[in-house]
Amino acid sequence: MKKVLLLTALVVLLGSASAFAGSTQAVSMSITVPAVFELAWSTATGANGATVATATVATEWAAGAKTGIPGGTLKATANAAYDLTVKSAAASFTCTGTGCRTTKPTTDIQVAVNGTTYQALTGITEKKIIVAQAAEVAASKVLLYKIIFTGVDTPGVYTTTLTYTIKAKT
């Protein structure tokens, strides 16, 4: 009888302990994902992202433009729809050389993205060259430039800085 009572007490104790062996707790977890817009740059010509065009030849001068100037590749990453803009640092090119035309407007620059139609820049005002692009990761945007020539452009080395900006679509 003692053994039966002891076994019964042991079963009751073990059974009671297993009823309290586990517990659960719900925990709230959240994360804020900010808007992500990033551009990376690479180019096969020049250094530090510089685009260096070869010298203009007579046929290009006669045609009024030099086209197909390799501009490098932008890699766009965004987690929301975006616009890509470009603007020049100044309204006119900086020019070095004797008799150089210092008033050549930067609106003489046109840019094509991934083989699209050339779009004229608007000088120091941002020009949307990609509008409402869907979110994407490290998408290549291959740039080609076109420079317009006029009869008043004189020999010299013409330079400017272009700034590309990626931002939420407007």
N, C-alpha and C. Protein backbone atom coordinates (compact mmCIF):
# COMPACT_ATOMS: atom_id res chain seq x y z
N MET A 1 0.82 -1.18 0.00
CA MET A 1 0.00 0.00 0.00
C MET A 1 0.87 1.26 0.00
N LYS A 2 1.97 1.23 0.72
CA LYS A 2 2.88 2.36 0.77
C LYS A 2 3.45 2.64 -0.61
N LYS A 3 3.80 1.56 -1.31
CA LYS A 3 4.38 1.72 -2.64
C LYS A 3 3.35 2.32 -3.61
N VAL A 4 2.11 1.89 -3.56
CA VAL A 4 1.06 2.39 -4.42
C VAL A 4 0.81 3.87 -4.13
N LEU A 5 0.77 4.22 -2.85
CA LEU A 5 0.56 5.60 -2.46
C LEU A 5 1.71 6.49 -2.91
N LEU A 6 2.93 5.99 -2.77
CA LEU A 6 4.10 6.73 -3.21
C LEU A 6 4.09 6.92 -4.72
N LEU A 7 3.77 5.89 -5.48
CA LEU A 7 3.69 6.00 -6.94
C LEU A 7 2.58 6.95 -7.34
N THR A 8 1.45 6.89 -6.68
CA THR A 8 0.34 7.78 -6.98
C THR A 8 0.73 9.23 -6.71
N ALA A 9 1.39 9.49 -5.62
CA ALA A 9 1.84 10.84 -5.28
C ALA A 9 2.85 11.34 -6.29
N LEU A 10 3.74 10.46 -6.73
CA LEU A 10 4.76 10.82 -7.71
C LEU A 10 4.12 11.17 -9.06
N VAL A 11 3.15 10.39 -9.48
CA VAL A 11 2.44 10.66 -10.74
C VAL A 11 1.70 11.97 -10.64
N VAL A 12 1.06 12.25 -9.52
CA VAL A 12 0.33 13.50 -9.33
C VAL A 12 1.30 14.68 -9.38
N LEU A 13 2.45 14.55 -8.72
CA LEU A 13 3.44 15.63 -8.72
C LEU A 13 4.01 15.86 -10.12
N LEU A 14 4.38 14.79 -10.81
CA LEU A 14 4.93 14.93 -12.17
C LEU A 14 3.88 15.48 -13.12
N GLY A 15 2.68 14.99 -12.99
CA GLY A 15 1.60 15.49 -13.84
C GLY A 15 1.34 16.96 -13.61
N SER A 16 1.38 17.40 -12.37
CA SER A 16 1.16 18.80 -12.04
C SER A 16 2.31 19.66 -12.56
N ALA A 17 3.53 19.15 -12.47
CA ALA A 17 4.70 19.90 -12.93
C ALA A 17 4.66 20.09 -14.44
N SER A 18 4.22 19.08 -15.18
CA SER A 18 4.19 19.22 -16.63
C SER A 18 3.13 20.21 -17.08
N ALA A 19 2.13 20.42 -16.29
CA ALA A 19 1.11 21.40 -16.62
C ALA A 19 1.69 22.81 -16.59
N PHE A 20 2.77 23.03 -15.84
CA PHE A 20 3.41 24.34 -15.74
C PHE A 20 4.78 24.39 -16.40
N ALA A 21 5.09 23.41 -17.25
CA ALA A 21 6.43 23.31 -17.83
C ALA A 21 6.68 24.33 -18.94
N GLY A 22 5.68 24.89 -19.58
CA GLY A 22 5.89 25.82 -20.68
C GLY A 22 5.08 27.09 -20.52
N SER A 23 5.52 28.12 -21.22
CA SER A 23 4.83 29.39 -21.18
C SER A 23 5.11 30.11 -22.49
N THR A 24 4.19 30.91 -22.97
CA THR A 24 4.40 31.68 -24.20
C THR A 24 4.23 33.16 -23.91
N GLN A 25 4.88 33.95 -24.76
CA GLN A 25 4.76 35.39 -24.64
C GLN A 25 4.81 35.97 -26.05
N ALA A 26 3.83 36.72 -26.45
CA ALA A 26 3.83 37.42 -27.74
C ALA A 26 4.63 38.71 -27.59
N VAL A 27 5.55 38.94 -28.53
CA VAL A 27 6.40 40.13 -28.50
C VAL A 27 6.21 40.88 -29.81
N SER A 28 5.97 42.15 -29.74
CA SER A 28 5.80 42.98 -30.92
C SER A 28 7.17 43.34 -31.49
N MET A 29 7.31 43.28 -32.82
CA MET A 29 8.57 43.63 -33.49
C MET A 29 8.24 44.52 -34.67
N SER A 30 8.99 45.59 -34.86
CA SER A 30 8.78 46.45 -36.02
C SER A 30 10.11 47.00 -36.49
N ILE A 31 10.16 47.40 -37.75
CA ILE A 31 11.36 48.01 -38.32
C ILE A 31 10.90 49.12 -39.25
N THR A 32 11.59 50.22 -39.24
CA THR A 32 11.30 51.32 -40.15
C THR A 32 12.26 51.24 -41.32
N VAL A 33 11.70 51.16 -42.52
CA VAL A 33 12.51 51.12 -43.73
C VAL A 33 12.45 52.52 -44.36
N PRO A 34 13.56 53.23 -44.39
CA PRO A 34 13.54 54.58 -44.96
C PRO A 34 13.55 54.52 -46.50
N ALA A 35 13.28 55.63 -47.11
CA ALA A 35 13.42 55.73 -48.56
C ALA A 35 14.90 55.60 -48.90
N VAL A 36 15.21 54.77 -49.87
CA VAL A 36 16.60 54.55 -50.27
C VAL A 36 16.75 54.98 -51.72
N PHE A 37 17.64 55.94 -51.95
CA PHE A 37 17.96 56.41 -53.30
C PHE A 37 19.46 56.58 -53.38
N GLU A 38 20.12 55.84 -54.28
CA GLU A 38 21.58 55.87 -54.35
C GLU A 38 22.05 55.76 -55.79
N LEU A 39 23.09 56.51 -56.10
CA LEU A 39 23.75 56.42 -57.41
C LEU A 39 25.21 56.04 -57.21
N ALA A 40 25.69 55.16 -58.05
CA ALA A 40 27.12 54.84 -58.10
C ALA A 40 27.57 55.14 -59.52
N TRP A 41 28.85 55.41 -59.69
CA TRP A 41 29.37 55.88 -60.99
C TRP A 41 30.56 55.04 -61.42
N SER A 42 30.63 54.74 -62.69
CA SER A 42 31.83 54.11 -63.25
C SER A 42 32.00 54.59 -64.68
N THR A 43 33.25 54.68 -65.10
CA THR A 43 33.55 55.12 -66.47
C THR A 43 34.84 54.49 -66.93
N ALA A 44 34.92 54.26 -68.22
CA ALA A 44 36.14 53.70 -68.80
C ALA A 44 37.06 54.81 -69.30
N THR A 45 36.55 56.05 -69.34
CA THR A 45 37.35 57.17 -69.84
C THR A 45 37.63 58.15 -68.72
N GLY A 46 38.80 58.70 -68.72
CA GLY A 46 39.13 59.74 -67.74
C GLY A 46 39.33 59.18 -66.35
N ALA A 47 39.54 60.08 -65.42
CA ALA A 47 39.75 59.71 -64.02
C ALA A 47 38.72 60.43 -63.16
N ASN A 48 38.43 59.87 -62.00
CA ASN A 48 37.48 60.49 -61.07
C ASN A 48 36.14 60.81 -61.70
N GLY A 49 35.68 59.91 -62.56
CA GLY A 49 34.38 60.10 -63.18
C GLY A 49 34.38 61.08 -64.33
N ALA A 50 35.53 61.50 -64.81
CA ALA A 50 35.59 62.48 -65.91
C ALA A 50 35.25 61.83 -67.24
N THR A 51 34.55 62.56 -68.07
CA THR A 51 34.28 62.14 -69.43
C THR A 51 35.20 62.96 -70.33
N VAL A 52 36.00 62.27 -71.12
CA VAL A 52 36.95 62.95 -71.99
C VAL A 52 36.60 62.60 -73.43
N ALA A 53 36.15 63.58 -74.19
CA ALA A 53 35.79 63.35 -75.59
C ALA A 53 37.04 63.45 -76.46
N THR A 54 37.05 62.66 -77.52
CA THR A 54 38.14 62.78 -78.48
C THR A 54 37.98 64.10 -79.24
N ALA A 55 39.04 64.53 -79.90
CA ALA A 55 39.00 65.80 -80.63
C ALA A 55 37.94 65.75 -81.73
N THR A 56 37.30 66.88 -81.92
CA THR A 56 36.27 67.01 -82.96
C THR A 56 36.93 67.00 -84.33
N VAL A 57 36.30 66.31 -85.27
CA VAL A 57 36.81 66.28 -86.64
C VAL A 57 35.93 67.15 -87.52
N ALA A 58 36.41 67.45 -88.73
CA ALA A 58 35.74 68.38 -89.64
C ALA A 58 34.30 67.95 -89.95
N THR A 59 34.07 66.66 -90.13
CA THR A 59 32.70 66.21 -90.46
C THR A 59 31.73 66.47 -89.30
N GLU A 60 32.21 66.33 -88.06
CA GLU A 60 31.36 66.62 -86.90
C GLU A 60 31.06 68.11 -86.81
N TRP A 61 32.09 68.92 -87.07
CA TRP A 61 31.91 70.37 -87.05
C TRP A 61 30.90 70.78 -88.11
N ALA A 62 31.03 70.22 -89.30
CA ALA A 62 30.11 70.55 -90.40
C ALA A 62 28.68 70.09 -90.08
N ALA A 63 28.56 68.96 -89.36
CA ALA A 63 27.24 68.44 -89.00
C ALA A 63 26.61 69.23 -87.85
N GLY A 64 27.42 70.02 -87.16
CA GLY A 64 26.90 70.84 -86.07
C GLY A 64 26.83 70.13 -84.72
N ALA A 65 27.41 68.93 -84.64
CA ALA A 65 27.37 68.22 -83.35
C ALA A 65 28.37 67.08 -83.32
N LYS A 66 28.83 66.78 -82.12
CA LYS A 66 29.63 65.59 -81.87
C LYS A 66 28.74 64.68 -81.04
N THR A 67 28.46 63.49 -81.53
CA THR A 67 27.55 62.57 -80.84
C THR A 67 28.27 61.32 -80.35
N GLY A 68 27.60 60.59 -79.51
CA GLY A 68 28.14 59.31 -79.05
C GLY A 68 29.33 59.41 -78.12
N ILE A 69 29.46 60.51 -77.40
CA ILE A 69 30.57 60.68 -76.46
C ILE A 69 30.27 59.80 -75.23
N PRO A 70 31.11 58.80 -74.97
CA PRO A 70 30.83 57.93 -73.82
C PRO A 70 30.86 58.70 -72.51
N GLY A 71 29.78 58.57 -71.74
CA GLY A 71 29.67 59.31 -70.50
C GLY A 71 29.79 58.48 -69.25
N GLY A 72 30.01 57.19 -69.40
CA GLY A 72 30.09 56.33 -68.22
C GLY A 72 28.76 55.68 -67.91
N THR A 73 28.71 55.04 -66.77
CA THR A 73 27.51 54.32 -66.36
C THR A 73 27.15 54.68 -64.92
N LEU A 74 25.90 55.06 -64.74
CA LEU A 74 25.35 55.25 -63.41
C LEU A 74 24.67 53.95 -63.01
N LYS A 75 24.80 53.56 -61.75
CA LYS A 75 24.07 52.41 -61.20
C LYS A 75 23.07 52.99 -60.21
N ALA A 76 21.78 52.84 -60.54
CA ALA A 76 20.72 53.41 -59.71
C ALA A 76 20.10 52.34 -58.83
N THR A 77 19.96 52.67 -57.54
CA THR A 77 19.28 51.80 -56.59
C THR A 77 18.23 52.64 -55.86
N ALA A 78 17.00 52.13 -55.85
CA ALA A 78 15.92 52.84 -55.16
C ALA A 78 14.87 51.83 -54.73
N ASN A 79 14.28 52.05 -53.57
CA ASN A 79 13.22 51.16 -53.11
C ASN A 79 11.83 51.78 -53.30
N ALA A 80 11.77 52.82 -54.12
CA ALA A 80 10.51 53.47 -54.50
C ALA A 80 10.72 54.09 -55.87
N ALA A 81 9.63 54.46 -56.51
CA ALA A 81 9.73 55.10 -57.83
C ALA A 81 10.56 56.37 -57.71
N TYR A 82 11.35 56.65 -58.76
CA TYR A 82 12.26 57.79 -58.68
C TYR A 82 12.37 58.54 -60.01
N ASP A 83 12.90 59.76 -59.90
CA ASP A 83 13.29 60.58 -61.05
C ASP A 83 14.81 60.72 -61.00
N LEU A 84 15.42 60.81 -62.17
CA LEU A 84 16.86 61.08 -62.27
C LEU A 84 17.02 62.41 -63.00
N THR A 85 17.77 63.32 -62.37
CA THR A 85 17.96 64.64 -62.97
C THR A 85 19.45 64.90 -63.19
N VAL A 86 19.72 65.88 -64.05
CA VAL A 86 21.09 66.32 -64.30
C VAL A 86 21.07 67.83 -64.48
N LYS A 87 22.13 68.47 -64.00
CA LYS A 87 22.29 69.90 -64.23
C LYS A 87 23.78 70.21 -64.30
N SER A 88 24.10 71.34 -64.89
CA SER A 88 25.48 71.79 -65.00
C SER A 88 25.81 72.71 -63.83
N ALA A 89 27.08 72.76 -63.48
CA ALA A 89 27.52 73.62 -62.38
C ALA A 89 27.47 75.10 -62.75
N ALA A 90 27.47 75.39 -64.05
CA ALA A 90 27.48 76.79 -64.50
C ALA A 90 26.68 76.91 -65.79
N ALA A 91 26.25 78.12 -66.09
CA ALA A 91 25.48 78.36 -67.31
C ALA A 91 26.36 78.27 -68.56
N SER A 92 27.65 78.53 -68.40
CA SER A 92 28.59 78.47 -69.52
C SER A 92 29.73 77.52 -69.20
N PHE A 93 30.31 76.95 -70.25
CA PHE A 93 31.51 76.12 -70.10
C PHE A 93 32.66 76.97 -69.60
N THR A 94 33.60 76.36 -68.91
CA THR A 94 34.89 76.97 -68.67
C THR A 94 35.73 76.59 -69.87
N CYS A 95 36.47 77.54 -70.39
CA CYS A 95 37.26 77.25 -71.59
C CYS A 95 38.69 77.71 -71.40
N THR A 96 39.62 76.87 -71.82
CA THR A 96 41.03 77.24 -71.78
C THR A 96 41.58 77.19 -73.19
N GLY A 97 42.41 78.14 -73.50
CA GLY A 97 43.01 78.25 -74.83
C GLY A 97 42.93 79.68 -75.31
N THR A 98 43.84 80.04 -76.20
CA THR A 98 43.89 81.40 -76.73
C THR A 98 42.66 81.65 -77.61
N GLY A 99 41.95 82.72 -77.34
CA GLY A 99 40.78 83.09 -78.14
C GLY A 99 39.55 82.23 -77.88
N CYS A 100 39.58 81.50 -76.82
CA CYS A 100 38.52 80.57 -76.45
C CYS A 100 37.19 81.29 -76.20
N ARG A 101 36.08 80.67 -76.59
CA ARG A 101 34.75 81.25 -76.36
C ARG A 101 34.31 80.91 -74.93
N THR A 102 34.33 81.87 -74.06
CA THR A 102 33.99 81.64 -72.65
C THR A 102 32.49 81.73 -72.39
N THR A 103 31.72 82.00 -73.42
CA THR A 103 30.27 82.11 -73.25
C THR A 103 29.51 80.94 -73.88
N LYS A 104 30.21 79.87 -74.25
CA LYS A 104 29.52 78.71 -74.83
C LYS A 104 28.58 78.15 -73.76
N PRO A 105 27.28 78.10 -74.03
CA PRO A 105 26.33 77.67 -73.00
C PRO A 105 26.36 76.15 -72.76
N THR A 106 26.16 75.78 -71.51
CA THR A 106 26.11 74.35 -71.19
C THR A 106 24.80 73.72 -71.68
N THR A 107 23.87 74.53 -72.15
CA THR A 107 22.66 73.98 -72.77
C THR A 107 22.99 73.33 -74.12
N ASP A 108 24.24 73.49 -74.59
CA ASP A 108 24.69 72.81 -75.81
C ASP A 108 25.00 71.33 -75.55
N ILE A 109 24.85 70.90 -74.29
CA ILE A 109 25.05 69.48 -73.94
C ILE A 109 23.72 68.76 -74.02
N GLN A 110 23.74 67.58 -74.62
CA GLN A 110 22.58 66.70 -74.61
C GLN A 110 23.03 65.34 -74.08
N VAL A 111 22.11 64.62 -73.45
CA VAL A 111 22.44 63.32 -72.88
C VAL A 111 21.38 62.29 -73.29
N ALA A 112 21.85 61.08 -73.58
CA ALA A 112 20.96 59.95 -73.86
C ALA A 112 21.24 58.89 -72.80
N VAL A 113 20.18 58.27 -72.29
CA VAL A 113 20.31 57.23 -71.26
C VAL A 113 19.88 55.90 -71.87
N ASN A 114 20.78 54.93 -71.81
CA ASN A 114 20.50 53.58 -72.34
C ASN A 114 19.98 53.60 -73.77
N GLY A 115 20.58 54.46 -74.59
CA GLY A 115 20.23 54.48 -76.02
C GLY A 115 18.96 55.21 -76.37
N THR A 116 18.39 55.95 -75.43
CA THR A 116 17.18 56.72 -75.73
C THR A 116 17.54 57.95 -76.55
N THR A 117 16.56 58.74 -76.91
CA THR A 117 16.77 59.99 -77.64
C THR A 117 17.56 60.97 -76.79
N TYR A 118 18.45 61.72 -77.43
CA TYR A 118 19.20 62.75 -76.71
C TYR A 118 18.24 63.80 -76.16
N GLN A 119 18.50 64.24 -74.92
CA GLN A 119 17.71 65.28 -74.28
C GLN A 119 18.62 66.47 -73.97
N ALA A 120 18.16 67.66 -74.32
CA ALA A 120 18.96 68.86 -74.07
C ALA A 120 18.96 69.21 -72.60
N LEU A 121 20.12 69.52 -72.07
CA LEU A 121 20.22 69.97 -70.69
C LEU A 121 19.69 71.39 -70.59
N THR A 122 19.33 71.79 -69.39
CA THR A 122 18.77 73.12 -69.16
C THR A 122 19.74 73.99 -68.35
N GLY A 123 21.03 73.74 -68.57
CA GLY A 123 22.04 74.54 -67.88
C GLY A 123 22.08 74.25 -66.40
N ILE A 124 21.92 75.28 -65.56
CA ILE A 124 22.02 75.12 -64.11
C ILE A 124 20.70 74.68 -63.47
N THR A 125 19.66 74.53 -64.26
CA THR A 125 18.37 74.05 -63.77
C THR A 125 18.31 72.54 -63.98
N GLU A 126 17.83 71.81 -62.97
CA GLU A 126 17.74 70.36 -63.10
C GLU A 126 16.83 69.96 -64.25
N LYS A 127 17.29 69.00 -65.03
CA LYS A 127 16.52 68.44 -66.15
C LYS A 127 16.22 66.99 -65.81
N LYS A 128 14.94 66.61 -65.80
CA LYS A 128 14.57 65.21 -65.56
C LYS A 128 14.90 64.41 -66.82
N ILE A 129 15.80 63.44 -66.66
CA ILE A 129 16.15 62.60 -67.81
C ILE A 129 15.57 61.19 -67.68
N ILE A 130 15.13 60.83 -66.48
CA ILE A 130 14.34 59.62 -66.25
C ILE A 130 13.22 60.04 -65.31
N VAL A 131 11.99 59.70 -65.67
CA VAL A 131 10.83 60.14 -64.90
C VAL A 131 10.04 58.92 -64.42
N ALA A 132 9.74 58.89 -63.13
CA ALA A 132 8.89 57.87 -62.51
C ALA A 132 9.36 56.44 -62.81
N GLN A 133 10.66 56.22 -62.68
CA GLN A 133 11.22 54.87 -62.84
C GLN A 133 10.83 54.02 -61.64
N ALA A 134 10.42 52.79 -61.88
CA ALA A 134 10.06 51.89 -60.77
C ALA A 134 11.29 51.54 -59.95
N ALA A 135 11.07 51.13 -58.72
CA ALA A 135 12.16 50.73 -57.82
C ALA A 135 13.01 49.66 -58.49
N GLU A 136 14.33 49.71 -58.26
CA GLU A 136 15.26 48.75 -58.83
C GLU A 136 16.56 48.78 -58.05
N VAL A 137 17.39 47.76 -58.28
CA VAL A 137 18.64 47.64 -57.55
C VAL A 137 19.81 47.60 -58.54
N ALA A 138 20.75 48.51 -58.38
CA ALA A 138 21.98 48.57 -59.19
C ALA A 138 21.69 48.47 -60.68
N ALA A 139 20.68 49.20 -61.15
CA ALA A 139 20.31 49.19 -62.56
C ALA A 139 21.23 50.12 -63.34
N SER A 140 21.83 49.60 -64.40
CA SER A 140 22.78 50.37 -65.21
C SER A 140 22.06 51.42 -66.05
N LYS A 141 22.60 52.61 -66.02
CA LYS A 141 22.12 53.72 -66.85
C LYS A 141 23.33 54.21 -67.64
N VAL A 142 23.47 53.71 -68.86
CA VAL A 142 24.62 54.05 -69.71
C VAL A 142 24.37 55.41 -70.35
N LEU A 143 25.31 56.32 -70.16
CA LEU A 143 25.16 57.69 -70.63
C LEU A 143 25.99 57.94 -71.89
N LEU A 144 25.37 58.61 -72.85
CA LEU A 144 26.08 59.12 -74.03
C LEU A 144 25.78 60.60 -74.14
N TYR A 145 26.79 61.36 -74.53
CA TYR A 145 26.62 62.81 -74.66
C TYR A 145 26.69 63.23 -76.12
N LYS A 146 26.06 64.36 -76.36
CA LYS A 146 26.11 65.03 -77.66
C LYS A 146 26.40 66.49 -77.36
N ILE A 147 27.34 67.08 -78.09
CA ILE A 147 27.68 68.50 -77.93
C ILE A 147 27.31 69.22 -79.24
N ILE A 148 26.54 70.27 -79.10
CA ILE A 148 26.11 71.07 -80.25
C ILE A 148 27.17 72.13 -80.53
N PHE A 149 27.49 72.30 -81.82
CA PHE A 149 28.45 73.34 -82.25
C PHE A 149 27.70 74.43 -82.99
N THR A 150 28.14 75.67 -82.79
CA THR A 150 27.62 76.80 -83.57
C THR A 150 28.79 77.48 -84.25
N GLY A 151 28.51 78.33 -85.17
CA GLY A 151 29.56 79.02 -85.92
C GLY A 151 30.46 79.89 -85.08
N VAL A 152 30.04 80.24 -83.85
CA VAL A 152 30.85 81.11 -83.01
C VAL A 152 31.73 80.34 -82.02
N ASP A 153 31.65 79.01 -82.01
CA ASP A 153 32.51 78.21 -81.12
C ASP A 153 33.94 78.24 -81.66
N THR A 154 34.86 78.63 -80.81
CA THR A 154 36.26 78.76 -81.20
C THR A 154 37.08 77.61 -80.59
N PRO A 155 38.28 77.39 -81.11
CA PRO A 155 39.11 76.32 -80.55
C PRO A 155 39.40 76.53 -79.07
N GLY A 156 39.47 75.44 -78.32
CA GLY A 156 39.76 75.48 -76.90
C GLY A 156 39.32 74.18 -76.24
N VAL A 157 39.62 74.05 -74.98
CA VAL A 157 39.18 72.90 -74.19
C VAL A 157 38.02 73.39 -73.32
N TYR A 158 36.84 72.85 -73.57
CA TYR A 158 35.62 73.26 -72.87
C TYR A 158 35.30 72.25 -71.78
N THR A 159 35.08 72.72 -70.57
CA THR A 159 34.78 71.82 -69.46
C THR A 159 33.63 72.36 -68.61
N THR A 160 32.94 71.45 -67.97
CA THR A 160 31.92 71.78 -66.98
C THR A 160 31.74 70.57 -66.07
N THR A 161 31.07 70.75 -64.97
CA THR A 161 30.74 69.66 -64.07
C THR A 161 29.24 69.42 -64.14
N LEU A 162 28.86 68.17 -64.35
CA LEU A 162 27.45 67.79 -64.36
C LEU A 162 27.13 67.06 -63.06
N THR A 163 25.99 67.38 -62.49
CA THR A 163 25.56 66.73 -61.26
C THR A 163 24.29 65.94 -61.54
N TYR A 164 24.36 64.64 -61.27
CA TYR A 164 23.20 63.75 -61.40
C TYR A 164 22.61 63.55 -60.02
N THR A 165 21.28 63.56 -59.94
CA THR A 165 20.58 63.39 -58.67
C THR A 165 19.44 62.39 -58.84
N ILE A 166 19.35 61.45 -57.91
CA ILE A 166 18.25 60.50 -57.86
C ILE A 166 17.40 60.87 -56.65
N LYS A 167 16.07 60.95 -56.86
CA LYS A 167 15.19 61.31 -55.76
C LYS A 167 13.78 60.78 -56.02
N ALA A 168 12.99 60.76 -54.97
CA ALA A 168 11.63 60.26 -55.08
C ALA A 168 10.90 60.98 -56.21
N LYS A 169 10.13 60.21 -56.96
CA LYS A 169 9.42 60.81 -58.10
C LYS A 169 8.49 61.93 -57.63
N THR A 170 8.42 62.96 -58.45
CA THR A 170 7.56 64.09 -58.11
C THR A 170 6.46 64.22 -59.11
